Amino acid sequence: MSTVLLILHLMIATALVGVVLLQRSEGGALGIGGGGFMSGRGTANFLTRVTASLAAAFFLTSLVLTLLAARSERPRSIFDAPASPAPAGTAAPAAPAAPAPANEAPRGGILDKLAPAGPRVPQSQ
């Protein structure tokens, strides 16, 4: 649904730019219109109403897209979660005094935090 709404939003924005450029310039020479085919008070009222309608639709689609983006479910990162404190009866793990052997992976890295909790069984070779 958000993709359809985004495409509609872009089409409204493009139409809004086109209608604004069709309006008669008031001396700043910014508008394309103002020639022979777009003259008269009726055309000016029509373009003003179309501009106001497109601006309201642009505003509305912007709000809906913002609400959809704020409510979308995104996977949570482990970096967003606060670090969980150690249980009351356990001591914090001490840092190893010597480097880990070559056949054992070092502990305390991000991959170890992602690993399921439980006893580590050394793998036999």
PDB file of N, CA and C in Angstrom:
ATOM      1  N   MET A   1       0.813  -1.189   0.000  1.00  0.00           N
ATOM      2  CA  MET A   1       0.000   0.000   0.000  1.00  0.00           C
ATOM      3  C   MET A   1       0.860   1.258   0.000  1.00  0.00           C
ATOM      4  N   SER A   2       1.959   1.203   0.714  1.00  0.00           N
ATOM      5  CA  SER A   2       2.805   2.396   0.768  1.00  0.00           C
ATOM      6  C   SER A   2       3.443   2.687  -0.591  1.00  0.00           C
ATOM      7  N   THR A   3       3.686   1.640  -1.387  1.00  0.00           N
ATOM      8  CA  THR A   3       4.257   1.863  -2.718  1.00  0.00           C
ATOM      9  C   THR A   3       3.253   2.577  -3.614  1.00  0.00           C
ATOM     10  N   VAL A   4       2.002   2.153  -3.565  1.00  0.00           N
ATOM     11  CA  VAL A   4       0.962   2.801  -4.366  1.00  0.00           C
ATOM     12  C   VAL A   4       0.787   4.239  -3.922  1.00  0.00           C
ATOM     13  N   LEU A   5       0.793   4.463  -2.629  1.00  0.00           N
ATOM     14  CA  LEU A   5       0.643   5.819  -2.105  1.00  0.00           C
ATOM     15  C   LEU A   5       1.837   6.696  -2.476  1.00  0.00           C
ATOM     16  N   LEU A   6       3.022   6.112  -2.477  1.00  0.00           N
ATOM     17  CA  LEU A   6       4.213   6.873  -2.860  1.00  0.00           C
ATOM     18  C   LEU A   6       4.165   7.258  -4.340  1.00  0.00           C
ATOM     19  N   ILE A   7       3.705   6.355  -5.195  1.00  0.00           N
ATOM     20  CA  ILE A   7       3.582   6.668  -6.621  1.00  0.00           C
ATOM     21  C   ILE A   7       2.533   7.761  -6.825  1.00  0.00           C
ATOM     22  N   LEU A   8       1.414   7.673  -6.114  1.00  0.00           N
ATOM     23  CA  LEU A   8       0.387   8.712  -6.194  1.00  0.00           C
ATOM     24  C   LEU A   8       0.943  10.053  -5.710  1.00  0.00           C
ATOM     25  N   HIS A   9       1.724  10.025  -4.654  1.00  0.00           N
ATOM     26  CA  HIS A   9       2.346  11.237  -4.107  1.00  0.00           C
ATOM     27  C   HIS A   9       3.268  11.889  -5.138  1.00  0.00           C
ATOM     28  N   LEU A  10       4.058  11.078  -5.832  1.00  0.00           N
ATOM     29  CA  LEU A  10       4.960  11.622  -6.853  1.00  0.00           C
ATOM     30  C   LEU A  10       4.189  12.185  -8.045  1.00  0.00           C
ATOM     31  N   MET A  11       3.098  11.541  -8.412  1.00  0.00           N
ATOM     32  CA  MET A  11       2.281  12.063  -9.513  1.00  0.00           C
ATOM     33  C   MET A  11       1.631  13.386  -9.126  1.00  0.00           C
ATOM     34  N   ILE A  12       1.173  13.506  -7.883  1.00  0.00           N
ATOM     35  CA  ILE A  12       0.593  14.767  -7.407  1.00  0.00           C
ATOM     36  C   ILE A  12       1.652  15.861  -7.400  1.00  0.00           C
ATOM     37  N   ALA A  13       2.865  15.524  -6.962  1.00  0.00           N
ATOM     38  CA  ALA A  13       3.936  16.523  -6.922  1.00  0.00           C
ATOM     39  C   ALA A  13       4.279  17.011  -8.330  1.00  0.00           C
ATOM     40  N   THR A  14       4.327  16.090  -9.292  1.00  0.00           N
ATOM     41  CA  THR A  14       4.632  16.471 -10.670  1.00  0.00           C
ATOM     42  C   THR A  14       3.521  17.346 -11.242  1.00  0.00           C
ATOM     43  N   ALA A  15       2.272  16.980 -10.987  1.00  0.00           N
ATOM     44  CA  ALA A  15       1.145  17.787 -11.467  1.00  0.00           C
ATOM     45  C   ALA A  15       1.144  19.161 -10.811  1.00  0.00           C
ATOM     46  N   LEU A  16       1.490  19.222  -9.551  1.00  0.00           N
ATOM     47  CA  LEU A  16       1.532  20.504  -8.839  1.00  0.00           C
ATOM     48  C   LEU A  16       2.580  21.430  -9.442  1.00  0.00           C
ATOM     49  N   VAL A  17       3.739  20.886  -9.756  1.00  0.00           N
ATOM     50  CA  VAL A  17       4.782  21.698 -10.391  1.00  0.00           C
ATOM     51  C   VAL A  17       4.299  22.197 -11.753  1.00  0.00           C
ATOM     52  N   GLY A  18       3.656  21.312 -12.518  1.00  0.00           N
ATOM     53  CA  GLY A  18       3.162  21.715 -13.837  1.00  0.00           C
ATOM     54  C   GLY A  18       2.099  22.800 -13.763  1.00  0.00           C
ATOM     55  N   VAL A  19       1.156  22.683 -12.831  1.00  0.00           N
ATOM     56  CA  VAL A  19       0.086  23.681 -12.706  1.00  0.00           C
ATOM     57  C   VAL A  19       0.649  25.015 -12.235  1.00  0.00           C
ATOM     58  N   VAL A  20       1.612  24.986 -11.342  1.00  0.00           N
ATOM     59  CA  VAL A  20       2.214  26.236 -10.876  1.00  0.00           C
ATOM     60  C   VAL A  20       2.945  26.935 -12.024  1.00  0.00           C
ATOM     61  N   LEU A  21       3.607  26.148 -12.870  1.00  0.00           N
ATOM     62  CA  LEU A  21       4.313  26.760 -13.997  1.00  0.00           C
ATOM     63  C   LEU A  21       3.358  27.280 -15.073  1.00  0.00           C
ATOM     64  N   LEU A  22       2.147  26.762 -15.125  1.00  0.00           N
ATOM     65  CA  LEU A  22       1.172  27.257 -16.099  1.00  0.00           C
ATOM     66  C   LEU A  22       0.548  28.581 -15.692  1.00  0.00           C
ATOM     67  N   GLN A  23       0.618  28.915 -14.442  1.00  0.00           N
ATOM     68  CA  GLN A  23      -0.024  30.152 -13.978  1.00  0.00           C
ATOM     69  C   GLN A  23       0.724  31.373 -14.497  1.00  0.00           C
ATOM     70  N   ARG A  24      -0.001  32.441 -14.591  1.00  0.00           N
ATOM     71  CA  ARG A  24       0.555  33.681 -15.119  1.00  0.00           C
ATOM     72  C   ARG A  24       1.524  34.291 -14.108  1.00  0.00           C
ATOM     73  N   SER A  25       2.646  34.737 -14.611  1.00  0.00           N
ATOM     74  CA  SER A  25       3.644  35.353 -13.750  1.00  0.00           C
ATOM     75  C   SER A  25       3.213  36.777 -13.424  1.00  0.00           C
ATOM     76  N   GLU A  26       3.451  37.192 -12.204  1.00  0.00           N
ATOM     77  CA  GLU A  26       3.058  38.527 -11.760  1.00  0.00           C
ATOM     78  C   GLU A  26       4.208  39.524 -11.833  1.00  0.00           C
ATOM     79  N   GLY A  27       5.157  39.293 -12.692  1.00  0.00           N
ATOM     80  CA  GLY A  27       6.256  40.238 -12.831  1.00  0.00           C
ATOM     81  C   GLY A  27       7.596  39.631 -12.495  1.00  0.00           C
ATOM     82  N   GLY A  28       7.606  38.463 -11.910  1.00  0.00           N
ATOM     83  CA  GLY A  28       8.863  37.823 -11.590  1.00  0.00           C
ATOM     84  C   GLY A  28       9.376  36.983 -12.735  1.00  0.00           C
ATOM     85  N   ALA A  29       8.579  36.812 -13.793  1.00  0.00           N
ATOM     86  CA  ALA A  29       8.934  36.033 -14.983  1.00  0.00           C
ATOM     87  C   ALA A  29       9.292  34.599 -14.627  1.00  0.00           C
ATOM     88  N   LEU A  30       8.552  34.007 -13.677  1.00  0.00           N
ATOM     89  CA  LEU A  30       8.820  32.635 -13.285  1.00  0.00           C
ATOM     90  C   LEU A  30       7.878  31.650 -13.953  1.00  0.00           C
ATOM     91  N   GLY A  31       6.706  32.089 -14.358  1.00  0.00           N
ATOM     92  CA  GLY A  31       5.723  31.180 -14.923  1.00  0.00           C
ATOM     93  C   GLY A  31       5.882  31.045 -16.428  1.00  0.00           C
ATOM     94  N   ILE A  32       5.464  29.896 -16.955  1.00  0.00           N
ATOM     95  CA  ILE A  32       5.500  29.679 -18.391  1.00  0.00           C
ATOM     96  C   ILE A  32       4.261  30.286 -19.026  1.00  0.00           C
ATOM     97  N   GLY A  33       3.135  30.230 -18.314  1.00  0.00           N
ATOM     98  CA  GLY A  33       1.861  30.710 -18.845  1.00  0.00           C
ATOM     99  C   GLY A  33       1.836  32.212 -18.954  1.00  0.00           C
ATOM    100  N   GLY A  34       0.661  32.713 -19.283  1.00  0.00           N
ATOM    101  CA  GLY A  34       0.512  34.157 -19.417  1.00  0.00           C
ATOM    102  C   GLY A  34       0.442  34.579 -20.862  1.00  0.00           C
ATOM    103  N   GLY A  35       0.509  33.638 -21.767  1.00  0.00           N
ATOM    104  CA  GLY A  35       0.427  33.939 -23.193  1.00  0.00           C
ATOM    105  C   GLY A  35      -1.013  34.031 -23.640  1.00  0.00           C
ATOM    106  N   GLY A  36      -1.253  33.738 -24.894  1.00  0.00           N
ATOM    107  CA  GLY A  36      -2.577  33.888 -25.477  1.00  0.00           C
ATOM    108  C   GLY A  36      -3.579  32.845 -25.027  1.00  0.00           C
ATOM    109  N   PHE A  37      -3.185  31.584 -24.882  1.00  0.00           N
ATOM    110  CA  PHE A  37      -4.174  30.547 -24.583  1.00  0.00           C
ATOM    111  C   PHE A  37      -4.551  30.476 -23.118  1.00  0.00           C
ATOM    112  N   MET A  38      -3.760  31.012 -22.226  1.00  0.00           N
ATOM    113  CA  MET A  38      -4.066  30.968 -20.799  1.00  0.00           C
ATOM    114  C   MET A  38      -4.298  32.373 -20.265  1.00  0.00           C
ATOM    115  N   SER A  39      -5.286  33.012 -20.780  1.00  0.00           N
ATOM    116  CA  SER A  39      -5.565  34.354 -20.275  1.00  0.00           C
ATOM    117  C   SER A  39      -7.012  34.407 -19.817  1.00  0.00           C
ATOM    118  N   GLY A  40      -7.317  35.370 -19.046  1.00  0.00           N
ATOM    119  CA  GLY A  40      -8.685  35.545 -18.574  1.00  0.00           C
ATOM    120  C   GLY A  40      -8.817  35.192 -17.112  1.00  0.00           C
ATOM    121  N   ARG A  41      -9.857  35.769 -16.543  1.00  0.00           N
ATOM    122  CA  ARG A  41     -10.104  35.597 -15.113  1.00  0.00           C
ATOM    123  C   ARG A  41     -10.586  34.189 -14.787  1.00  0.00           C
ATOM    124  N   GLY A  42     -11.372  33.579 -15.655  1.00  0.00           N
ATOM    125  CA  GLY A  42     -11.891  32.238 -15.409  1.00  0.00           C
ATOM    126  C   GLY A  42     -10.787  31.196 -15.353  1.00  0.00           C
ATOM    127  N   THR A  43      -9.810  31.321 -16.243  1.00  0.00           N
ATOM    128  CA  THR A  43      -8.690  30.391 -16.248  1.00  0.00           C
ATOM    129  C   THR A  43      -7.847  30.558 -14.994  1.00  0.00           C
ATOM    130  N   ALA A  44      -7.666  31.796 -14.556  1.00  0.00           N
ATOM    131  CA  ALA A  44      -6.886  32.057 -13.348  1.00  0.00           C
ATOM    132  C   ALA A  44      -7.573  31.442 -12.130  1.00  0.00           C
ATOM    133  N   ASN A  45      -8.889  31.549 -12.048  1.00  0.00           N
ATOM    134  CA  ASN A  45      -9.612  30.940 -10.927  1.00  0.00           C
ATOM    135  C   ASN A  45      -9.506  29.425 -10.974  1.00  0.00           C
ATOM    136  N   PHE A  46      -9.619  28.866 -12.194  1.00  0.00           N
ATOM    137  CA  PHE A  46      -9.510  27.413 -12.344  1.00  0.00           C
ATOM    138  C   PHE A  46      -8.128  26.927 -11.916  1.00  0.00           C
ATOM    139  N   LEU A  47      -7.079  27.593 -12.369  1.00  0.00           N
ATOM    140  CA  LEU A  47      -5.719  27.174 -12.002  1.00  0.00           C
ATOM    141  C   LEU A  47      -5.460  27.356 -10.510  1.00  0.00           C
ATOM    142  N   THR A  48      -6.047  28.382  -9.922  1.00  0.00           N
ATOM    143  CA  THR A  48      -5.895  28.593  -8.482  1.00  0.00           C
ATOM    144  C   THR A  48      -6.556  27.467  -7.699  1.00  0.00           C
ATOM    145  N   ARG A  49      -7.750  27.067  -8.144  1.00  0.00           N
ATOM    146  CA  ARG A  49      -8.451  25.974  -7.456  1.00  0.00           C
ATOM    147  C   ARG A  49      -7.740  24.644  -7.640  1.00  0.00           C
ATOM    148  N   VAL A  50      -7.229  24.394  -8.852  1.00  0.00           N
ATOM    149  CA  VAL A  50      -6.499  23.150  -9.099  1.00  0.00           C
ATOM    150  C   VAL A  50      -5.219  23.124  -8.256  1.00  0.00           C
ATOM    151  N   THR A  51      -4.538  24.259  -8.167  1.00  0.00           N
ATOM    152  CA  THR A  51      -3.322  24.339  -7.352  1.00  0.00           C
ATOM    153  C   THR A  51      -3.628  24.079  -5.884  1.00  0.00           C
ATOM    154  N   ALA A  52      -4.691  24.667  -5.393  1.00  0.00           N
ATOM    155  CA  ALA A  52      -5.065  24.465  -3.991  1.00  0.00           C
ATOM    156  C   ALA A  52      -5.450  23.005  -3.734  1.00  0.00           C
ATOM    157  N   SER A  53      -6.165  22.388  -4.682  1.00  0.00           N
ATOM    158  CA  SER A  53      -6.555  20.979  -4.516  1.00  0.00           C
ATOM    159  C   SER A  53      -5.338  20.070  -4.538  1.00  0.00           C
ATOM    160  N   LEU A  54      -4.437  20.315  -5.470  1.00  0.00           N
ATOM    161  CA  LEU A  54      -3.225  19.490  -5.537  1.00  0.00           C
ATOM    162  C   LEU A  54      -2.345  19.698  -4.302  1.00  0.00           C
ATOM    163  N   ALA A  55      -2.284  20.928  -3.800  1.00  0.00           N
ATOM    164  CA  ALA A  55      -1.490  21.186  -2.591  1.00  0.00           C
ATOM    165  C   ALA A  55      -2.080  20.461  -1.391  1.00  0.00           C
ATOM    166  N   ALA A  56      -3.413  20.445  -1.286  1.00  0.00           N
ATOM    167  CA  ALA A  56      -4.058  19.727  -0.178  1.00  0.00           C
ATOM    168  C   ALA A  56      -3.818  18.219  -0.300  1.00  0.00           C
ATOM    169  N   ALA A  57      -3.909  17.687  -1.531  1.00  0.00           N
ATOM    170  CA  ALA A  57      -3.659  16.256  -1.741  1.00  0.00           C
ATOM    171  C   ALA A  57      -2.204  15.913  -1.438  1.00  0.00           C
ATOM    172  N   PHE A  58      -1.274  16.791  -1.806  1.00  0.00           N
ATOM    173  CA  PHE A  58       0.149  16.576  -1.520  1.00  0.00           C
ATOM    174  C   PHE A  58       0.383  16.543  -0.014  1.00  0.00           C
ATOM    175  N   PHE A  59      -0.230  17.467   0.695  1.00  0.00           N
ATOM    176  CA  PHE A  59      -0.094  17.526   2.149  1.00  0.00           C
ATOM    177  C   PHE A  59      -0.664  16.270   2.795  1.00  0.00           C
ATOM    178  N   LEU A  60      -1.834  15.840   2.328  1.00  0.00           N
ATOM    179  CA  LEU A  60      -2.484  14.659   2.883  1.00  0.00           C
ATOM    180  C   LEU A  60      -1.656  13.392   2.634  1.00  0.00           C
ATOM    181  N   THR A  61      -1.166  13.221   1.412  1.00  0.00           N
ATOM    182  CA  THR A  61      -0.352  12.030   1.135  1.00  0.00           C
ATOM    183  C   THR A  61       0.963  12.065   1.906  1.00  0.00           C
ATOM    184  N   SER A  62       1.502  13.258   2.126  1.00  0.00           N
ATOM    185  CA  SER A  62       2.724  13.365   2.935  1.00  0.00           C
ATOM    186  C   SER A  62       2.470  12.893   4.366  1.00  0.00           C
ATOM    187  N   LEU A  63       1.355  13.310   4.938  1.00  0.00           N
ATOM    188  CA  LEU A  63       1.025  12.895   6.308  1.00  0.00           C
ATOM    189  C   LEU A  63       0.796  11.388   6.391  1.00  0.00           C
ATOM    190  N   VAL A  64       0.072  10.828   5.425  1.00  0.00           N
ATOM    191  CA  VAL A  64      -0.218   9.394   5.460  1.00  0.00           C
ATOM    192  C   VAL A  64       1.069   8.586   5.278  1.00  0.00           C
ATOM    193  N   LEU A  65       1.940   9.030   4.388  1.00  0.00           N
ATOM    194  CA  LEU A  65       3.220   8.327   4.204  1.00  0.00           C
ATOM    195  C   LEU A  65       4.066   8.391   5.475  1.00  0.00           C
ATOM    196  N   THR A  66       4.029   9.524   6.159  1.00  0.00           N
ATOM    197  CA  THR A  66       4.777   9.651   7.414  1.00  0.00           C
ATOM    198  C   THR A  66       4.227   8.712   8.476  1.00  0.00           C
ATOM    199  N   LEU A  67       2.906   8.634   8.575  1.00  0.00           N
ATOM    200  CA  LEU A  67       2.300   7.735   9.562  1.00  0.00           C
ATOM    201  C   LEU A  67       2.587   6.269   9.234  1.00  0.00           C
ATOM    202  N   LEU A  68       2.557   5.911   7.959  1.00  0.00           N
ATOM    203  CA  LEU A  68       2.875   4.537   7.573  1.00  0.00           C
ATOM    204  C   LEU A  68       4.328   4.189   7.877  1.00  0.00           C
ATOM    205  N   ALA A  69       5.223   5.126   7.650  1.00  0.00           N
ATOM    206  CA  ALA A  69       6.640   4.865   7.921  1.00  0.00           C
ATOM    207  C   ALA A  69       6.906   4.751   9.420  1.00  0.00           C
ATOM    208  N   ALA A  70       6.184   5.503  10.225  1.00  0.00           N
ATOM    209  CA  ALA A  70       6.400   5.464  11.675  1.00  0.00           C
ATOM    210  C   ALA A  70       5.859   4.182  12.290  1.00  0.00           C
ATOM    211  N   ARG A  71       4.821   3.599  11.697  1.00  0.00           N
ATOM    212  CA  ARG A  71       4.206   2.411  12.270  1.00  0.00           C
ATOM    213  C   ARG A  71       4.700   1.113  11.667  1.00  0.00           C
ATOM    214  N   SER A  72       5.567   1.180  10.694  1.00  0.00           N
ATOM    215  CA  SER A  72       6.021  -0.063  10.054  1.00  0.00           C
ATOM    216  C   SER A  72       6.904  -0.848  11.018  1.00  0.00           C
ATOM    217  N   GLU A  73       6.784  -2.150  10.951  1.00  0.00           N
ATOM    218  CA  GLU A  73       7.571  -3.031  11.807  1.00  0.00           C
ATOM    219  C   GLU A  73       8.928  -3.268  11.165  1.00  0.00           C
ATOM    220  N   ARG A  74       9.945  -2.875  11.850  1.00  0.00           N
ATOM    221  CA  ARG A  74      11.302  -3.102  11.371  1.00  0.00           C
ATOM    222  C   ARG A  74      11.981  -4.084  12.306  1.00  0.00           C
ATOM    223  N   PRO A  75      12.834  -4.935  11.768  1.00  0.00           N
ATOM    224  CA  PRO A  75      13.559  -5.833  12.668  1.00  0.00           C
ATOM    225  C   PRO A  75      14.452  -5.032  13.605  1.00  0.00           C
ATOM    226  N   ARG A  76      14.442  -5.420  14.841  1.00  0.00           N
ATOM    227  CA  ARG A  76      15.243  -4.707  15.834  1.00  0.00           C
ATOM    228  C   ARG A  76      16.683  -5.179  15.777  1.00  0.00           C
ATOM    229  N   SER A  77      17.564  -4.281  16.010  1.00  0.00           N
ATOM    230  CA  SER A  77      18.976  -4.584  16.031  1.00  0.00           C
ATOM    231  C   SER A  77      19.403  -4.877  17.459  1.00  0.00           C
ATOM    232  N   ILE A  78      20.410  -5.712  17.612  1.00  0.00           N
ATOM    233  CA  ILE A  78      20.896  -5.981  18.963  1.00  0.00           C
ATOM    234  C   ILE A  78      21.627  -4.772  19.525  1.00  0.00           C
ATOM    235  N   PHE A  79      22.016  -3.852  18.651  1.00  0.00           N
ATOM    236  CA  PHE A  79      22.692  -2.654  19.124  1.00  0.00           C
ATOM    237  C   PHE A  79      21.703  -1.668  19.738  1.00  0.00           C
ATOM    238  N   ASP A  80      20.404  -1.774  19.394  1.00  0.00           N
ATOM    239  CA  ASP A  80      19.396  -0.889  19.959  1.00  0.00           C
ATOM    240  C   ASP A  80      19.001  -1.290  21.370  1.00  0.00           C
ATOM    241  N   ALA A  81      19.093  -2.577  21.684  1.00  0.00           N
ATOM    242  CA  ALA A  81      18.677  -3.067  22.994  1.00  0.00           C
ATOM    243  C   ALA A  81      19.742  -2.726  24.039  1.00  0.00           C
ATOM    244  N   PRO A  82      19.319  -2.336  25.236  1.00  0.00           N
ATOM    245  CA  PRO A  82      20.303  -2.078  26.286  1.00  0.00           C
ATOM    246  C   PRO A  82      20.939  -3.388  26.731  1.00  0.00           C
ATOM    247  N   ALA A  83      22.148  -3.291  27.215  1.00  0.00           N
ATOM    248  CA  ALA A  83      22.859  -4.479  27.696  1.00  0.00           C
ATOM    249  C   ALA A  83      22.162  -5.005  28.941  1.00  0.00           C
ATOM    250  N   SER A  84      21.903  -6.299  28.959  1.00  0.00           N
ATOM    251  CA  SER A  84      21.210  -6.874  30.118  1.00  0.00           C
ATOM    252  C   SER A  84      22.219  -7.105  31.243  1.00  0.00           C
ATOM    253  N   PRO A  85      21.872  -6.706  32.458  1.00  0.00           N
ATOM    254  CA  PRO A  85      22.786  -6.914  33.580  1.00  0.00           C
ATOM    255  C   PRO A  85      22.852  -8.404  33.929  1.00  0.00           C
ATOM    256  N   ALA A  86      23.962  -8.789  34.537  1.00  0.00           N
ATOM    257  CA  ALA A  86      24.149 -10.183  34.958  1.00  0.00           C
ATOM    258  C   ALA A  86      23.185 -10.492  36.096  1.00  0.00           C
ATOM    259  N   PRO A  87      22.696 -11.731  36.195  1.00  0.00           N
ATOM    260  CA  PRO A  87      21.824 -12.095  37.314  1.00  0.00           C
ATOM    261  C   PRO A  87      22.526 -11.856  38.648  1.00  0.00           C
ATOM    262  N   ALA A  88      21.745 -11.694  39.705  1.00  0.00           N
ATOM    263  CA  ALA A  88      22.276 -11.303  41.015  1.00  0.00           C
ATOM    264  C   ALA A  88      23.243 -12.326  41.597  1.00  0.00           C
ATOM    265  N   GLY A  89      23.039 -13.621  41.358  1.00  0.00           N
ATOM    266  CA  GLY A  89      23.873 -14.638  41.985  1.00  0.00           C
ATOM    267  C   GLY A  89      25.144 -14.971  41.215  1.00  0.00           C
ATOM    268  N   THR A  90      25.348 -14.413  40.054  1.00  0.00           N
ATOM    269  CA  THR A  90      26.529 -14.757  39.252  1.00  0.00           C
ATOM    270  C   THR A  90      27.492 -13.590  39.205  1.00  0.00           C
ATOM    271  N   ALA A  91      28.732 -13.946  39.054  1.00  0.00           N
ATOM    272  CA  ALA A  91      29.762 -12.918  38.946  1.00  0.00           C
ATOM    273  C   ALA A  91      29.985 -12.599  37.475  1.00  0.00           C
ATOM    274  N   ALA A  92      30.457 -11.414  37.243  1.00  0.00           N
ATOM    275  CA  ALA A  92      30.742 -11.011  35.862  1.00  0.00           C
ATOM    276  C   ALA A  92      31.928 -11.811  35.348  1.00  0.00           C
ATOM    277  N   PRO A  93      31.924 -12.217  34.073  1.00  0.00           N
ATOM    278  CA  PRO A  93      33.043 -12.989  33.550  1.00  0.00           C
ATOM    279  C   PRO A  93      34.314 -12.146  33.529  1.00  0.00           C
ATOM    280  N   ALA A  94      35.385 -12.774  33.953  1.00  0.00           N
ATOM    281  CA  ALA A  94      36.666 -12.078  33.985  1.00  0.00           C
ATOM    282  C   ALA A  94      37.305 -12.132  32.606  1.00  0.00           C
ATOM    283  N   ALA A  95      38.092 -11.131  32.315  1.00  0.00           N
ATOM    284  CA  ALA A  95      38.796 -11.100  31.034  1.00  0.00           C
ATOM    285  C   ALA A  95      39.907 -12.133  31.061  1.00  0.00           C
ATOM    286  N   PRO A  96      40.127 -12.858  29.972  1.00  0.00           N
ATOM    287  CA  PRO A  96      41.189 -13.867  29.969  1.00  0.00           C
ATOM    288  C   PRO A  96      42.564 -13.213  30.089  1.00  0.00           C
ATOM    289  N   ALA A  97      43.416 -13.841  30.906  1.00  0.00           N
ATOM    290  CA  ALA A  97      44.754 -13.295  31.106  1.00  0.00           C
ATOM    291  C   ALA A  97      45.659 -13.623  29.935  1.00  0.00           C
ATOM    292  N   ALA A  98      45.437 -14.777  29.335  1.00  0.00           N
ATOM    293  CA  ALA A  98      46.273 -15.186  28.198  1.00  0.00           C
ATOM    294  C   ALA A  98      45.398 -15.240  26.957  1.00  0.00           C
ATOM    295  N   PRO A  99      45.997 -15.088  25.795  1.00  0.00           N
ATOM    296  CA  PRO A  99      45.203 -15.190  24.567  1.00  0.00           C
ATOM    297  C   PRO A  99      44.632 -16.595  24.422  1.00  0.00           C
ATOM    298  N   ALA A 100      43.507 -16.678  23.732  1.00  0.00           N
ATOM    299  CA  ALA A 100      42.839 -17.963  23.538  1.00  0.00           C
ATOM    300  C   ALA A 100      43.660 -18.837  22.602  1.00  0.00           C
ATOM    301  N   PRO A 101      43.592 -20.154  22.793  1.00  0.00           N
ATOM    302  CA  PRO A 101      44.307 -21.044  21.880  1.00  0.00           C
ATOM    303  C   PRO A 101      43.814 -20.870  20.447  1.00  0.00           C
ATOM    304  N   ALA A 102      44.623 -21.302  19.500  1.00  0.00           N
ATOM    305  CA  ALA A 102      44.315 -21.096  18.086  1.00  0.00           C
ATOM    306  C   ALA A 102      43.081 -21.867  17.654  1.00  0.00           C
ATOM    307  N   ASN A 103      42.799 -23.015  18.265  1.00  0.00           N
ATOM    308  CA  ASN A 103      41.666 -23.815  17.820  1.00  0.00           C
ATOM    309  C   ASN A 103      40.349 -23.390  18.468  1.00  0.00           C
ATOM    310  N   GLU A 104      40.369 -22.480  19.433  1.00  0.00           N
ATOM    311  CA  GLU A 104      39.149 -22.023  20.094  1.00  0.00           C
ATOM    312  C   GLU A 104      38.881 -20.571  19.719  1.00  0.00           C
ATOM    313  N   ALA A 105      37.625 -20.281  19.425  1.00  0.00           N
ATOM    314  CA  ALA A 105      37.257 -18.913  19.042  1.00  0.00           C
ATOM    315  C   ALA A 105      37.308 -18.008  20.265  1.00  0.00           C
ATOM    316  N   PRO A 106      37.750 -16.762  20.114  1.00  0.00           N
ATOM    317  CA  PRO A 106      37.782 -15.845  21.262  1.00  0.00           C
ATOM    318  C   PRO A 106      36.360 -15.523  21.710  1.00  0.00           C
ATOM    319  N   ARG A 107      36.198 -15.276  22.998  1.00  0.00           N
ATOM    320  CA  ARG A 107      34.884 -14.986  23.563  1.00  0.00           C
ATOM    321  C   ARG A 107      34.724 -13.487  23.796  1.00  0.00           C
ATOM    322  N   GLY A 108      33.481 -13.070  23.826  1.00  0.00           N
ATOM    323  CA  GLY A 108      33.190 -11.675  24.139  1.00  0.00           C
ATOM    324  C   GLY A 108      32.918 -10.829  22.910  1.00  0.00           C
ATOM    325  N   GLY A 109      33.019 -11.394  21.714  1.00  0.00           N
ATOM    326  CA  GLY A 109      32.749 -10.636  20.505  1.00  0.00           C
ATOM    327  C   GLY A 109      31.258 -10.578  20.212  1.00  0.00           C
ATOM    328  N   ILE A 110      30.910  -9.888  19.143  1.00  0.00           N
ATOM    329  CA  ILE A 110      29.508  -9.718  18.791  1.00  0.00           C
ATOM    330  C   ILE A 110      28.874 -11.048  18.405  1.00  0.00           C
ATOM    331  N   LEU A 111      29.629 -11.956  17.791  1.00  0.00           N
ATOM    332  CA  LEU A 111      29.075 -13.250  17.414  1.00  0.00           C
ATOM    333  C   LEU A 111      28.760 -14.096  18.637  1.00  0.00           C
ATOM    334  N   ASP A 112      29.531 -13.929  19.686  1.00  0.00           N
ATOM    335  CA  ASP A 112      29.248 -14.664  20.915  1.00  0.00           C
ATOM    336  C   ASP A 112      27.979 -14.151  21.585  1.00  0.00           C
ATOM    337  N   LYS A 113      27.687 -12.866  21.415  1.00  0.00           N
ATOM    338  CA  LYS A 113      26.457 -12.321  21.980  1.00  0.00           C
ATOM    339  C   LYS A 113      25.243 -12.825  21.211  1.00  0.00           C
ATOM    340  N   LEU A 114      25.427 -13.142  19.951  1.00  0.00           N
ATOM    341  CA  LEU A 114      24.325 -13.640  19.135  1.00  0.00           C
ATOM    342  C   LEU A 114      24.105 -15.136  19.324  1.00  0.00           C
ATOM    343  N   ALA A 115      25.107 -15.855  19.786  1.00  0.00           N
ATOM    344  CA  ALA A 115      25.007 -17.299  19.943  1.00  0.00           C
ATOM    345  C   ALA A 115      23.994 -17.630  21.031  1.00  0.00           C
ATOM    346  N   PRO A 116      23.300 -18.770  20.895  1.00  0.00           N
ATOM    347  CA  PRO A 116      22.331 -19.139  21.936  1.00  0.00           C
ATOM    348  C   PRO A 116      23.045 -19.438  23.248  1.00  0.00           C
ATOM    349  N   ALA A 117      22.364 -19.120  24.333  1.00  0.00           N
ATOM    350  CA  ALA A 117      22.947 -19.341  25.663  1.00  0.00           C
ATOM    351  C   ALA A 117      22.947 -20.830  25.962  1.00  0.00           C
ATOM    352  N   GLY A 118      23.944 -21.278  26.614  1.00  0.00           N
ATOM    353  CA  GLY A 118      24.056 -22.691  26.977  1.00  0.00           C
ATOM    354  C   GLY A 118      25.506 -23.077  27.079  1.00  0.00           C
ATOM    355  N   PRO A 119      25.765 -24.299  27.534  1.00  0.00           N
ATOM    356  CA  PRO A 119      27.165 -24.726  27.670  1.00  0.00           C
ATOM    357  C   PRO A 119      27.796 -24.910  26.287  1.00  0.00           C
ATOM    358  N   ARG A 120      29.031 -24.479  26.200  1.00  0.00           N
ATOM    359  CA  ARG A 120      29.787 -24.654  24.960  1.00  0.00           C
ATOM    360  C   ARG A 120      30.501 -25.982  25.005  1.00  0.00           C
ATOM    361  N   VAL A 121      30.283 -26.740  23.993  1.00  0.00           N
ATOM    362  CA  VAL A 121      30.917 -28.040  23.901  1.00  0.00           C
ATOM    363  C   VAL A 121      32.035 -27.910  22.879  1.00  0.00           C
ATOM    364  N   PRO A 122      33.276 -28.216  23.280  1.00  0.00           N
ATOM    365  CA  PRO A 122      34.362 -28.120  22.293  1.00  0.00           C
ATOM    366  C   PRO A 122      34.149 -29.148  21.183  1.00  0.00           C
ATOM    367  N   GLN A 123      34.455 -28.716  19.987  1.00  0.00           N
ATOM    368  CA  GLN A 123      34.305 -29.601  18.842  1.00  0.00           C
ATOM    369  C   GLN A 123      35.565 -30.444  18.676  1.00  0.00           C
ATOM    370  N   SER A 124      35.379 -31.723  18.478  1.00  0.00           N
ATOM    371  CA  SER A 124      36.535 -32.588  18.262  1.00  0.00           C
ATOM    372  C   SER A 124      36.895 -32.547  16.798  1.00  0.00           C
ATOM    373  N   GLN A 125      38.198 -32.705  16.550  1.00  0.00           N
ATOM    374  CA  GLN A 125      38.662 -32.599  15.167  1.00  0.00           C
ATOM    375  C   GLN A 125      38.898 -33.927  14.544  1.00  0.00           C
TER     376      GLN A 125
END
